[in-house]
Amino acid sequence: MNAVVEPSRHKLTIDDFVRMGEAGIFAEDARIELIEGDLFDMPPIGTRHSSVSNRLTRLLVRLAGDAAIVSVGNPVLLPPWSMPQPDFLLLRPCADFYEAAHPGAGDVLLAIELGDATLRFDRITKARVYAANGINEYWVVDLPGRRLHVHRGPTPGGSWASVEKYDAPFRVSPAALPALTLSSDDLWPTRP
């Protein structure tokens, strides 16, 4: 009698993902993220996303000063299965600006995703991955809803001790950088 064997899923590691990129398997302009061993094609960035991203880049660089490195769209290593590329990372200062290696969860003061087309994925999947890997604080900017979801206190099971929703108008600071205050007007200025 033959045993029934179900096919198993092959998860990719960060090393697999990096080797695939180095081998030229992905198009040069591909927006692919490795999340929990799976590859995700991210949708094109729309104008609403890029506008808030440009505004937030300028603001974060100015407000963080020397207290943090503002990393825009770069990866964070969450071994062995995830290498997301959040829209923003506020990182602990590092003399070589992370030239020797990509930052890990312990280097992240704050991760920020701008949720538009990916809002559900950012609020559920990425929130779980960031918590499970010990990123201390994670914000999701809900672009269509003009609100901010602030996740604090990660648990090993992939949930958060605190998740607060701020509807505009709001002012909020990351726990690790209390002098850095972000307001809804910074993200969505009032039109004259």
N, C-alpha and C. Protein backbone atom coordinates (compact mmCIF):
# COMPACT_ATOMS: atom_id res chain seq x y z
N MET A 1 0.84 -1.17 0.00
CA MET A 1 0.00 0.00 0.00
C MET A 1 0.89 1.24 0.00
N ASN A 2 0.59 2.16 -0.88
CA ASN A 2 1.36 3.40 -0.98
C ASN A 2 0.87 4.41 0.05
N ALA A 3 1.81 5.04 0.71
CA ALA A 3 1.47 6.09 1.67
C ALA A 3 1.07 7.35 0.92
N VAL A 4 0.10 8.04 1.46
CA VAL A 4 -0.32 9.31 0.87
C VAL A 4 0.60 10.40 1.41
N VAL A 5 1.22 11.10 0.49
CA VAL A 5 2.12 12.18 0.88
C VAL A 5 1.61 13.46 0.24
N GLU A 6 1.32 14.40 1.08
CA GLU A 6 0.85 15.70 0.61
C GLU A 6 2.05 16.55 0.20
N PRO A 7 1.91 17.34 -0.84
CA PRO A 7 3.02 18.24 -1.19
C PRO A 7 3.22 19.26 -0.08
N SER A 8 4.44 19.66 0.10
CA SER A 8 4.72 20.68 1.11
C SER A 8 5.17 21.95 0.42
N ARG A 9 4.94 23.02 1.12
CA ARG A 9 5.29 24.34 0.60
C ARG A 9 6.78 24.58 0.83
N HIS A 10 7.45 25.14 -0.16
CA HIS A 10 8.87 25.48 -0.01
C HIS A 10 8.96 26.97 0.26
N LYS A 11 9.39 27.29 1.47
CA LYS A 11 9.55 28.69 1.84
C LYS A 11 10.96 29.14 1.48
N LEU A 12 11.06 30.35 0.99
CA LEU A 12 12.36 30.93 0.67
C LEU A 12 12.94 31.62 1.89
N THR A 13 14.23 31.49 2.08
CA THR A 13 14.93 32.22 3.14
C THR A 13 15.42 33.55 2.57
N ILE A 14 15.90 34.38 3.45
CA ILE A 14 16.51 35.63 3.01
C ILE A 14 17.68 35.35 2.08
N ASP A 15 18.52 34.36 2.42
CA ASP A 15 19.66 34.01 1.55
C ASP A 15 19.19 33.58 0.17
N ASP A 16 18.12 32.77 0.08
CA ASP A 16 17.57 32.36 -1.22
C ASP A 16 17.15 33.59 -2.02
N PHE A 17 16.44 34.48 -1.35
CA PHE A 17 15.92 35.68 -1.99
C PHE A 17 17.04 36.56 -2.52
N VAL A 18 18.08 36.75 -1.71
CA VAL A 18 19.22 37.58 -2.13
C VAL A 18 19.93 36.93 -3.32
N ARG A 19 20.14 35.62 -3.26
CA ARG A 19 20.79 34.93 -4.39
C ARG A 19 19.97 35.05 -5.67
N MET A 20 18.66 34.96 -5.56
CA MET A 20 17.80 35.11 -6.74
C MET A 20 17.96 36.51 -7.34
N GLY A 21 18.01 37.51 -6.49
CA GLY A 21 18.21 38.87 -6.97
C GLY A 21 19.56 39.04 -7.64
N GLU A 22 20.60 38.49 -7.00
CA GLU A 22 21.96 38.58 -7.57
C GLU A 22 22.06 37.84 -8.90
N ALA A 23 21.27 36.78 -9.08
CA ALA A 23 21.30 36.00 -10.33
C ALA A 23 20.48 36.67 -11.44
N GLY A 24 19.82 37.78 -11.12
CA GLY A 24 19.06 38.51 -12.13
C GLY A 24 17.70 37.90 -12.43
N ILE A 25 17.17 37.11 -11.51
CA ILE A 25 15.87 36.47 -11.73
C ILE A 25 14.74 37.51 -11.75
N PHE A 26 14.90 38.57 -10.99
CA PHE A 26 13.86 39.60 -10.93
C PHE A 26 14.23 40.76 -11.85
N ALA A 27 13.21 41.38 -12.42
CA ALA A 27 13.45 42.58 -13.22
C ALA A 27 14.08 43.64 -12.32
N GLU A 28 14.92 44.46 -12.91
CA GLU A 28 15.64 45.48 -12.13
C GLU A 28 14.72 46.42 -11.37
N ASP A 29 13.57 46.71 -11.95
CA ASP A 29 12.64 47.64 -11.31
C ASP A 29 11.51 46.93 -10.55
N ALA A 30 11.65 45.62 -10.33
CA ALA A 30 10.62 44.86 -9.63
C ALA A 30 10.49 45.32 -8.19
N ARG A 31 9.27 45.39 -7.72
CA ARG A 31 8.99 45.74 -6.32
C ARG A 31 8.52 44.47 -5.64
N ILE A 32 9.47 43.66 -5.21
CA ILE A 32 9.18 42.36 -4.61
C ILE A 32 9.68 42.35 -3.17
N GLU A 33 8.85 41.83 -2.27
CA GLU A 33 9.24 41.70 -0.87
C GLU A 33 9.11 40.24 -0.46
N LEU A 34 10.03 39.82 0.40
CA LEU A 34 9.99 38.47 0.99
C LEU A 34 9.32 38.59 2.36
N ILE A 35 8.15 37.96 2.48
CA ILE A 35 7.39 38.02 3.73
C ILE A 35 7.03 36.58 4.11
N GLU A 36 7.54 36.14 5.25
CA GLU A 36 7.28 34.81 5.78
C GLU A 36 7.58 33.72 4.76
N GLY A 37 8.66 33.89 4.01
CA GLY A 37 9.10 32.88 3.05
C GLY A 37 8.42 32.94 1.70
N ASP A 38 7.49 33.86 1.52
CA ASP A 38 6.77 34.01 0.25
C ASP A 38 7.16 35.32 -0.43
N LEU A 39 7.15 35.30 -1.76
CA LEU A 39 7.43 36.51 -2.53
C LEU A 39 6.14 37.24 -2.83
N PHE A 40 6.14 38.54 -2.61
CA PHE A 40 4.97 39.37 -2.89
C PHE A 40 5.36 40.47 -3.87
N ASP A 41 4.62 40.54 -4.98
CA ASP A 41 4.76 41.66 -5.91
C ASP A 41 3.94 42.80 -5.35
N MET A 42 4.60 43.93 -5.12
CA MET A 42 3.90 45.08 -4.59
C MET A 42 3.35 45.92 -5.76
N PRO A 43 2.17 46.48 -5.57
CA PRO A 43 1.57 47.26 -6.67
C PRO A 43 2.34 48.54 -6.93
N PRO A 44 2.14 49.11 -8.11
CA PRO A 44 2.79 50.40 -8.41
C PRO A 44 2.38 51.46 -7.41
N ILE A 45 3.27 52.40 -7.20
CA ILE A 45 3.01 53.49 -6.25
C ILE A 45 2.22 54.59 -6.96
N GLY A 46 1.08 54.94 -6.37
CA GLY A 46 0.23 55.99 -6.93
C GLY A 46 0.66 57.37 -6.46
N THR A 47 0.02 58.38 -6.99
CA THR A 47 0.40 59.76 -6.68
C THR A 47 0.11 60.13 -5.23
N ARG A 48 -0.99 59.63 -4.66
CA ARG A 48 -1.31 59.92 -3.25
C ARG A 48 -0.19 59.38 -2.35
N HIS A 49 0.25 58.16 -2.63
CA HIS A 49 1.32 57.53 -1.86
C HIS A 49 2.63 58.32 -2.01
N SER A 50 2.99 58.64 -3.24
CA SER A 50 4.27 59.33 -3.46
C SER A 50 4.26 60.74 -2.88
N SER A 51 3.12 61.42 -2.92
CA SER A 51 3.03 62.76 -2.36
C SER A 51 3.26 62.74 -0.85
N VAL A 52 2.57 61.83 -0.14
CA VAL A 52 2.75 61.74 1.31
C VAL A 52 4.17 61.26 1.62
N SER A 53 4.70 60.36 0.81
CA SER A 53 6.06 59.87 1.01
C SER A 53 7.07 61.01 0.90
N ASN A 54 6.92 61.84 -0.10
CA ASN A 54 7.84 62.98 -0.27
C ASN A 54 7.74 63.94 0.91
N ARG A 55 6.52 64.22 1.33
CA ARG A 55 6.29 65.12 2.46
C ARG A 55 6.90 64.54 3.74
N LEU A 56 6.67 63.24 3.97
CA LEU A 56 7.15 62.60 5.18
C LEU A 56 8.67 62.46 5.17
N THR A 57 9.27 62.22 4.02
CA THR A 57 10.73 62.14 3.93
C THR A 57 11.35 63.44 4.40
N ARG A 58 10.88 64.53 3.85
CA ARG A 58 11.41 65.85 4.21
C ARG A 58 11.25 66.12 5.71
N LEU A 59 10.07 65.82 6.23
CA LEU A 59 9.76 66.08 7.63
C LEU A 59 10.62 65.21 8.55
N LEU A 60 10.67 63.89 8.29
CA LEU A 60 11.41 62.98 9.17
C LEU A 60 12.90 63.29 9.21
N VAL A 61 13.49 63.61 8.06
CA VAL A 61 14.92 63.94 8.03
C VAL A 61 15.17 65.17 8.88
N ARG A 62 14.31 66.17 8.74
CA ARG A 62 14.48 67.40 9.50
C ARG A 62 14.28 67.16 11.01
N LEU A 63 13.23 66.44 11.38
CA LEU A 63 12.92 66.25 12.79
C LEU A 63 13.84 65.25 13.49
N ALA A 64 14.26 64.21 12.78
CA ALA A 64 15.11 63.18 13.40
C ALA A 64 16.52 63.70 13.63
N GLY A 65 17.01 64.56 12.74
CA GLY A 65 18.36 65.09 12.88
C GLY A 65 19.36 63.97 13.06
N ASP A 66 20.19 64.07 14.09
CA ASP A 66 21.19 63.04 14.36
C ASP A 66 20.68 61.95 15.29
N ALA A 67 19.44 62.02 15.72
CA ALA A 67 18.89 61.03 16.65
C ALA A 67 18.55 59.71 15.98
N ALA A 68 18.36 59.74 14.65
CA ALA A 68 18.00 58.52 13.92
C ALA A 68 18.40 58.67 12.46
N ILE A 69 18.59 57.53 11.82
CA ILE A 69 18.79 57.49 10.37
C ILE A 69 17.43 57.24 9.75
N VAL A 70 17.04 58.08 8.81
CA VAL A 70 15.79 57.90 8.09
C VAL A 70 16.09 57.08 6.85
N SER A 71 15.52 55.89 6.79
CA SER A 71 15.74 54.97 5.68
C SER A 71 14.44 54.85 4.91
N VAL A 72 14.47 55.20 3.63
CA VAL A 72 13.26 55.26 2.81
C VAL A 72 13.23 54.09 1.84
N GLY A 73 12.27 53.19 2.04
CA GLY A 73 12.06 52.08 1.12
C GLY A 73 13.15 51.03 1.10
N ASN A 74 13.95 50.97 2.14
CA ASN A 74 15.05 50.01 2.18
C ASN A 74 14.67 48.82 3.07
N PRO A 75 15.36 47.68 2.87
CA PRO A 75 14.97 46.47 3.59
C PRO A 75 15.43 46.43 5.04
N VAL A 76 14.70 45.61 5.78
CA VAL A 76 15.09 45.25 7.14
C VAL A 76 15.11 43.72 7.17
N LEU A 77 16.15 43.15 7.78
CA LEU A 77 16.30 41.70 7.85
C LEU A 77 15.57 41.16 9.07
N LEU A 78 14.65 40.23 8.82
CA LEU A 78 13.90 39.56 9.87
C LEU A 78 14.06 38.06 9.64
N PRO A 79 15.25 37.54 9.98
CA PRO A 79 15.61 36.15 9.65
C PRO A 79 14.69 35.11 10.30
N PRO A 80 14.56 33.98 9.62
CA PRO A 80 15.17 33.64 8.33
C PRO A 80 14.25 33.89 7.15
N TRP A 81 12.96 34.26 7.40
CA TRP A 81 11.97 34.22 6.34
C TRP A 81 11.53 35.56 5.77
N SER A 82 11.88 36.67 6.35
CA SER A 82 11.30 37.94 5.89
C SER A 82 12.35 39.02 5.67
N MET A 83 12.15 39.75 4.58
CA MET A 83 12.99 40.89 4.24
C MET A 83 12.10 41.97 3.62
N PRO A 84 11.21 42.54 4.46
CA PRO A 84 10.31 43.57 3.94
C PRO A 84 11.07 44.87 3.65
N GLN A 85 10.43 45.71 2.87
CA GLN A 85 10.98 47.02 2.54
C GLN A 85 9.95 48.07 2.93
N PRO A 86 9.90 48.40 4.22
CA PRO A 86 8.90 49.39 4.65
C PRO A 86 9.12 50.73 3.96
N ASP A 87 8.06 51.51 3.89
CA ASP A 87 8.19 52.83 3.28
C ASP A 87 9.21 53.67 4.04
N PHE A 88 9.22 53.54 5.38
CA PHE A 88 10.19 54.29 6.20
C PHE A 88 10.64 53.44 7.37
N LEU A 89 11.91 53.58 7.69
CA LEU A 89 12.47 53.06 8.93
C LEU A 89 13.19 54.20 9.61
N LEU A 90 12.97 54.38 10.89
CA LEU A 90 13.82 55.26 11.68
C LEU A 90 14.74 54.31 12.44
N LEU A 91 16.04 54.42 12.15
CA LEU A 91 17.03 53.48 12.65
C LEU A 91 17.95 54.10 13.68
N ARG A 92 18.46 53.26 14.57
CA ARG A 92 19.49 53.71 15.50
C ARG A 92 20.67 54.23 14.69
N PRO A 93 21.29 55.32 15.12
CA PRO A 93 22.47 55.81 14.41
C PRO A 93 23.55 54.73 14.33
N CYS A 94 24.21 54.67 13.20
CA CYS A 94 25.24 53.68 12.93
C CYS A 94 26.33 54.37 12.11
N ALA A 95 27.57 54.27 12.55
CA ALA A 95 28.67 55.01 11.93
C ALA A 95 28.78 54.76 10.43
N ASP A 96 28.54 53.52 9.99
CA ASP A 96 28.68 53.23 8.55
C ASP A 96 27.34 53.30 7.80
N PHE A 97 26.28 53.80 8.48
CA PHE A 97 24.96 53.93 7.88
C PHE A 97 24.47 52.59 7.30
N TYR A 98 24.81 51.50 7.99
CA TYR A 98 24.39 50.15 7.63
C TYR A 98 24.98 49.67 6.31
N GLU A 99 26.21 50.08 6.04
CA GLU A 99 26.90 49.59 4.85
C GLU A 99 27.33 48.13 5.02
N ALA A 100 27.74 47.74 6.22
CA ALA A 100 28.23 46.38 6.46
C ALA A 100 27.09 45.35 6.38
N ALA A 101 25.90 45.74 6.74
CA ALA A 101 24.75 44.83 6.70
C ALA A 101 23.47 45.64 6.81
N HIS A 102 22.41 45.09 6.23
CA HIS A 102 21.10 45.72 6.40
C HIS A 102 20.73 45.69 7.88
N PRO A 103 19.92 46.64 8.32
CA PRO A 103 19.51 46.64 9.72
C PRO A 103 18.61 45.45 10.03
N GLY A 104 18.60 45.09 11.29
CA GLY A 104 17.69 44.07 11.80
C GLY A 104 16.67 44.71 12.71
N ALA A 105 15.81 43.90 13.28
CA ALA A 105 14.73 44.41 14.13
C ALA A 105 15.25 45.25 15.29
N GLY A 106 16.38 44.87 15.88
CA GLY A 106 16.93 45.60 17.01
C GLY A 106 17.45 46.99 16.66
N ASP A 107 17.63 47.25 15.38
CA ASP A 107 18.11 48.56 14.92
C ASP A 107 16.97 49.52 14.65
N VAL A 108 15.74 49.01 14.60
CA VAL A 108 14.58 49.81 14.18
C VAL A 108 13.94 50.51 15.38
N LEU A 109 13.90 51.82 15.32
CA LEU A 109 13.20 52.62 16.32
C LEU A 109 11.72 52.74 15.96
N LEU A 110 11.43 52.78 14.66
CA LEU A 110 10.06 52.89 14.17
C LEU A 110 10.03 52.43 12.72
N ALA A 111 9.04 51.61 12.39
CA ALA A 111 8.77 51.23 10.99
C ALA A 111 7.45 51.88 10.60
N ILE A 112 7.40 52.41 9.39
CA ILE A 112 6.18 53.08 8.91
C ILE A 112 5.85 52.55 7.52
N GLU A 113 4.59 52.18 7.33
CA GLU A 113 4.07 51.83 6.02
C GLU A 113 3.00 52.83 5.64
N LEU A 114 2.99 53.22 4.37
CA LEU A 114 1.94 54.07 3.83
C LEU A 114 0.94 53.15 3.14
N GLY A 115 -0.22 52.99 3.74
CA GLY A 115 -1.20 52.05 3.23
C GLY A 115 -2.19 52.70 2.29
N ASP A 116 -2.12 52.29 1.06
CA ASP A 116 -3.09 52.73 0.06
C ASP A 116 -3.66 51.45 -0.54
N ALA A 117 -3.11 51.01 -1.67
CA ALA A 117 -3.53 49.74 -2.26
C ALA A 117 -3.19 48.56 -1.35
N THR A 118 -2.17 48.70 -0.51
CA THR A 118 -1.72 47.61 0.36
C THR A 118 -2.20 47.74 1.80
N LEU A 119 -3.19 48.57 2.06
CA LEU A 119 -3.60 48.87 3.43
C LEU A 119 -3.93 47.62 4.24
N ARG A 120 -4.72 46.73 3.72
CA ARG A 120 -5.09 45.51 4.45
C ARG A 120 -3.84 44.66 4.74
N PHE A 121 -2.99 44.48 3.77
CA PHE A 121 -1.76 43.71 3.93
C PHE A 121 -0.86 44.34 4.99
N ASP A 122 -0.73 45.67 4.96
CA ASP A 122 0.09 46.40 5.93
C ASP A 122 -0.47 46.26 7.34
N ARG A 123 -1.79 46.36 7.48
CA ARG A 123 -2.42 46.33 8.81
C ARG A 123 -2.50 44.93 9.40
N ILE A 124 -2.51 43.91 8.58
CA ILE A 124 -2.65 42.54 9.10
C ILE A 124 -1.34 41.76 8.99
N THR A 125 -0.92 41.49 7.77
CA THR A 125 0.25 40.63 7.57
C THR A 125 1.53 41.27 8.06
N LYS A 126 1.81 42.47 7.60
CA LYS A 126 3.06 43.11 8.02
C LYS A 126 3.06 43.43 9.51
N ALA A 127 1.91 43.81 10.06
CA ALA A 127 1.84 44.07 11.50
C ALA A 127 2.22 42.81 12.28
N ARG A 128 1.71 41.66 11.84
CA ARG A 128 2.03 40.40 12.51
C ARG A 128 3.52 40.06 12.39
N VAL A 129 4.08 40.23 11.20
CA VAL A 129 5.50 39.92 10.97
C VAL A 129 6.39 40.84 11.79
N TYR A 130 6.10 42.12 11.80
CA TYR A 130 6.92 43.06 12.56
C TYR A 130 6.85 42.76 14.07
N ALA A 131 5.66 42.45 14.58
CA ALA A 131 5.53 42.13 16.00
C ALA A 131 6.27 40.84 16.33
N ALA A 132 6.08 39.81 15.54
CA ALA A 132 6.70 38.51 15.80
C ALA A 132 8.22 38.59 15.80
N ASN A 133 8.76 39.57 15.08
CA ASN A 133 10.21 39.73 14.98
C ASN A 133 10.76 40.79 15.92
N GLY A 134 9.91 41.36 16.76
CA GLY A 134 10.38 42.25 17.81
C GLY A 134 10.62 43.69 17.43
N ILE A 135 10.03 44.16 16.34
CA ILE A 135 10.11 45.60 16.04
C ILE A 135 9.21 46.30 17.06
N ASN A 136 9.77 47.26 17.79
CA ASN A 136 9.08 47.83 18.94
C ASN A 136 7.88 48.72 18.62
N GLU A 137 7.92 49.38 17.46
CA GLU A 137 6.81 50.28 17.12
C GLU A 137 6.63 50.30 15.62
N TYR A 138 5.36 50.27 15.23
CA TYR A 138 5.00 50.19 13.82
C TYR A 138 3.79 51.07 13.57
N TRP A 139 3.90 51.96 12.58
CA TRP A 139 2.79 52.83 12.21
C TRP A 139 2.32 52.50 10.80
N VAL A 140 1.02 52.52 10.63
CA VAL A 140 0.43 52.40 9.29
C VAL A 140 -0.34 53.69 9.04
N VAL A 141 0.08 54.41 8.01
CA VAL A 141 -0.63 55.61 7.59
C VAL A 141 -1.71 55.17 6.61
N ASP A 142 -2.95 55.28 7.03
CA ASP A 142 -4.11 54.91 6.21
C ASP A 142 -4.38 56.10 5.29
N LEU A 143 -3.87 56.02 4.07
CA LEU A 143 -3.98 57.15 3.15
C LEU A 143 -5.41 57.47 2.76
N PRO A 144 -6.23 56.50 2.34
CA PRO A 144 -7.60 56.87 1.97
C PRO A 144 -8.43 57.33 3.17
N GLY A 145 -8.19 56.77 4.36
CA GLY A 145 -8.98 57.12 5.54
C GLY A 145 -8.44 58.31 6.30
N ARG A 146 -7.26 58.78 5.91
CA ARG A 146 -6.61 59.90 6.60
C ARG A 146 -6.54 59.66 8.11
N ARG A 147 -6.00 58.47 8.45
CA ARG A 147 -5.82 58.14 9.87
C ARG A 147 -4.50 57.41 10.04
N LEU A 148 -4.11 57.27 11.30
CA LEU A 148 -2.85 56.63 11.64
C LEU A 148 -3.12 55.51 12.63
N HIS A 149 -2.56 54.32 12.35
CA HIS A 149 -2.66 53.17 13.24
C HIS A 149 -1.29 53.00 13.89
N VAL A 150 -1.23 53.11 15.21
CA VAL A 150 0.03 53.04 15.94
C VAL A 150 0.07 51.74 16.74
N HIS A 151 1.05 50.89 16.41
CA HIS A 151 1.23 49.59 17.07
C HIS A 151 2.45 49.68 17.98
N ARG A 152 2.26 49.30 19.25
CA ARG A 152 3.37 49.34 20.22
C ARG A 152 3.35 48.07 21.07
N GLY A 153 4.54 47.67 21.54
CA GLY A 153 4.64 46.53 22.44
C GLY A 153 4.45 45.20 21.73
N PRO A 154 5.40 44.80 20.89
CA PRO A 154 5.25 43.54 20.15
C PRO A 154 5.26 42.33 21.08
N THR A 155 4.54 41.30 20.69
CA THR A 155 4.56 40.04 21.43
C THR A 155 5.15 38.96 20.53
N PRO A 156 5.78 37.94 21.11
CA PRO A 156 6.39 36.88 20.29
C PRO A 156 5.39 36.17 19.38
N GLY A 157 4.12 36.15 19.76
CA GLY A 157 3.11 35.50 18.94
C GLY A 157 2.69 36.31 17.73
N GLY A 158 3.19 37.52 17.58
CA GLY A 158 2.86 38.33 16.42
C GLY A 158 1.70 39.28 16.62
N SER A 159 1.40 39.60 17.86
CA SER A 159 0.37 40.62 18.10
C SER A 159 1.02 41.79 18.83
N TRP A 160 0.21 42.77 19.18
CA TRP A 160 0.70 44.00 19.78
C TRP A 160 -0.01 44.25 21.10
N ALA A 161 0.72 44.72 22.09
CA ALA A 161 0.12 45.07 23.38
C ALA A 161 -0.84 46.24 23.23
N SER A 162 -0.54 47.14 22.30
CA SER A 162 -1.36 48.33 22.11
C SER A 162 -1.47 48.66 20.63
N VAL A 163 -2.68 48.88 20.17
CA VAL A 163 -2.93 49.38 18.81
C VAL A 163 -3.92 50.53 18.97
N GLU A 164 -3.48 51.72 18.59
CA GLU A 164 -4.34 52.89 18.68
C GLU A 164 -4.58 53.47 17.30
N LYS A 165 -5.78 53.95 17.09
CA LYS A 165 -6.16 54.57 15.82
C LYS A 165 -6.37 56.05 16.06
N TYR A 166 -5.69 56.86 15.26
CA TYR A 166 -5.82 58.31 15.37
C TYR A 166 -6.45 58.85 14.08
N ASP A 167 -7.61 59.45 14.23
CA ASP A 167 -8.24 60.14 13.10
C ASP A 167 -7.78 61.58 13.11
N ALA A 168 -7.62 62.17 11.92
CA ALA A 168 -7.22 63.56 11.84
C ALA A 168 -8.29 64.43 12.49
N PRO A 169 -7.89 65.46 13.22
CA PRO A 169 -6.52 65.92 13.45
C PRO A 169 -5.86 65.15 14.61
N PHE A 170 -4.57 64.89 14.46
CA PHE A 170 -3.82 64.21 15.51
C PHE A 170 -2.38 64.71 15.54
N ARG A 171 -1.75 64.47 16.69
CA ARG A 171 -0.32 64.70 16.90
C ARG A 171 0.18 63.50 17.67
N VAL A 172 1.24 62.86 17.21
CA VAL A 172 1.75 61.66 17.87
C VAL A 172 3.27 61.59 17.71
N SER A 173 3.92 60.99 18.71
CA SER A 173 5.37 60.83 18.70
C SER A 173 5.72 59.36 18.89
N PRO A 174 6.80 58.89 18.25
CA PRO A 174 7.26 57.53 18.52
C PRO A 174 7.83 57.43 19.94
N ALA A 175 7.62 56.29 20.58
CA ALA A 175 8.10 56.10 21.95
C ALA A 175 9.61 56.30 22.06
N ALA A 176 10.36 55.84 21.07
CA ALA A 176 11.82 55.92 21.12
C ALA A 176 12.35 57.32 20.79
N LEU A 177 11.51 58.16 20.19
CA LEU A 177 11.92 59.51 19.78
C LEU A 177 10.82 60.50 20.17
N PRO A 178 10.60 60.72 21.46
CA PRO A 178 9.47 61.55 21.88
C PRO A 178 9.54 63.00 21.41
N ALA A 179 10.71 63.49 21.06
CA ALA A 179 10.82 64.87 20.58
C ALA A 179 10.36 65.00 19.13
N LEU A 180 10.21 63.89 18.43
CA LEU A 180 9.78 63.89 17.04
C LEU A 180 8.26 63.76 17.03
N THR A 181 7.57 64.82 16.70
CA THR A 181 6.10 64.81 16.70
C THR A 181 5.59 64.95 15.27
N LEU A 182 4.67 64.07 14.93
CA LEU A 182 4.06 64.07 13.61
C LEU A 182 2.59 64.43 13.76
N SER A 183 2.12 65.31 12.90
CA SER A 183 0.70 65.68 12.95
C SER A 183 0.02 65.30 11.64
N SER A 184 -1.29 65.20 11.69
CA SER A 184 -2.05 64.92 10.48
C SER A 184 -1.85 66.02 9.44
N ASP A 185 -1.68 67.27 9.88
CA ASP A 185 -1.44 68.37 8.94
C ASP A 185 -0.11 68.19 8.21
N ASP A 186 0.86 67.52 8.84
CA ASP A 186 2.12 67.25 8.15
C ASP A 186 1.92 66.30 6.98
N LEU A 187 0.99 65.36 7.14
CA LEU A 187 0.73 64.37 6.09
C LEU A 187 -0.23 64.88 5.04
N TRP A 188 -1.28 65.57 5.52
CA TRP A 188 -2.32 66.06 4.63
C TRP A 188 -2.57 67.53 4.92
N PRO A 189 -1.74 68.41 4.38
CA PRO A 189 -1.94 69.85 4.67
C PRO A 189 -3.31 70.32 4.19
N THR A 190 -3.85 71.25 4.96
CA THR A 190 -5.13 71.82 4.59
C THR A 190 -4.97 72.65 3.33
N ARG A 191 -5.85 72.41 2.40
CA ARG A 191 -5.77 73.16 1.14
C ARG A 191 -6.44 74.53 1.33
N PRO A 192 -5.82 75.58 0.75
CA PRO A 192 -6.42 76.92 0.90
C PRO A 192 -7.72 77.06 0.15
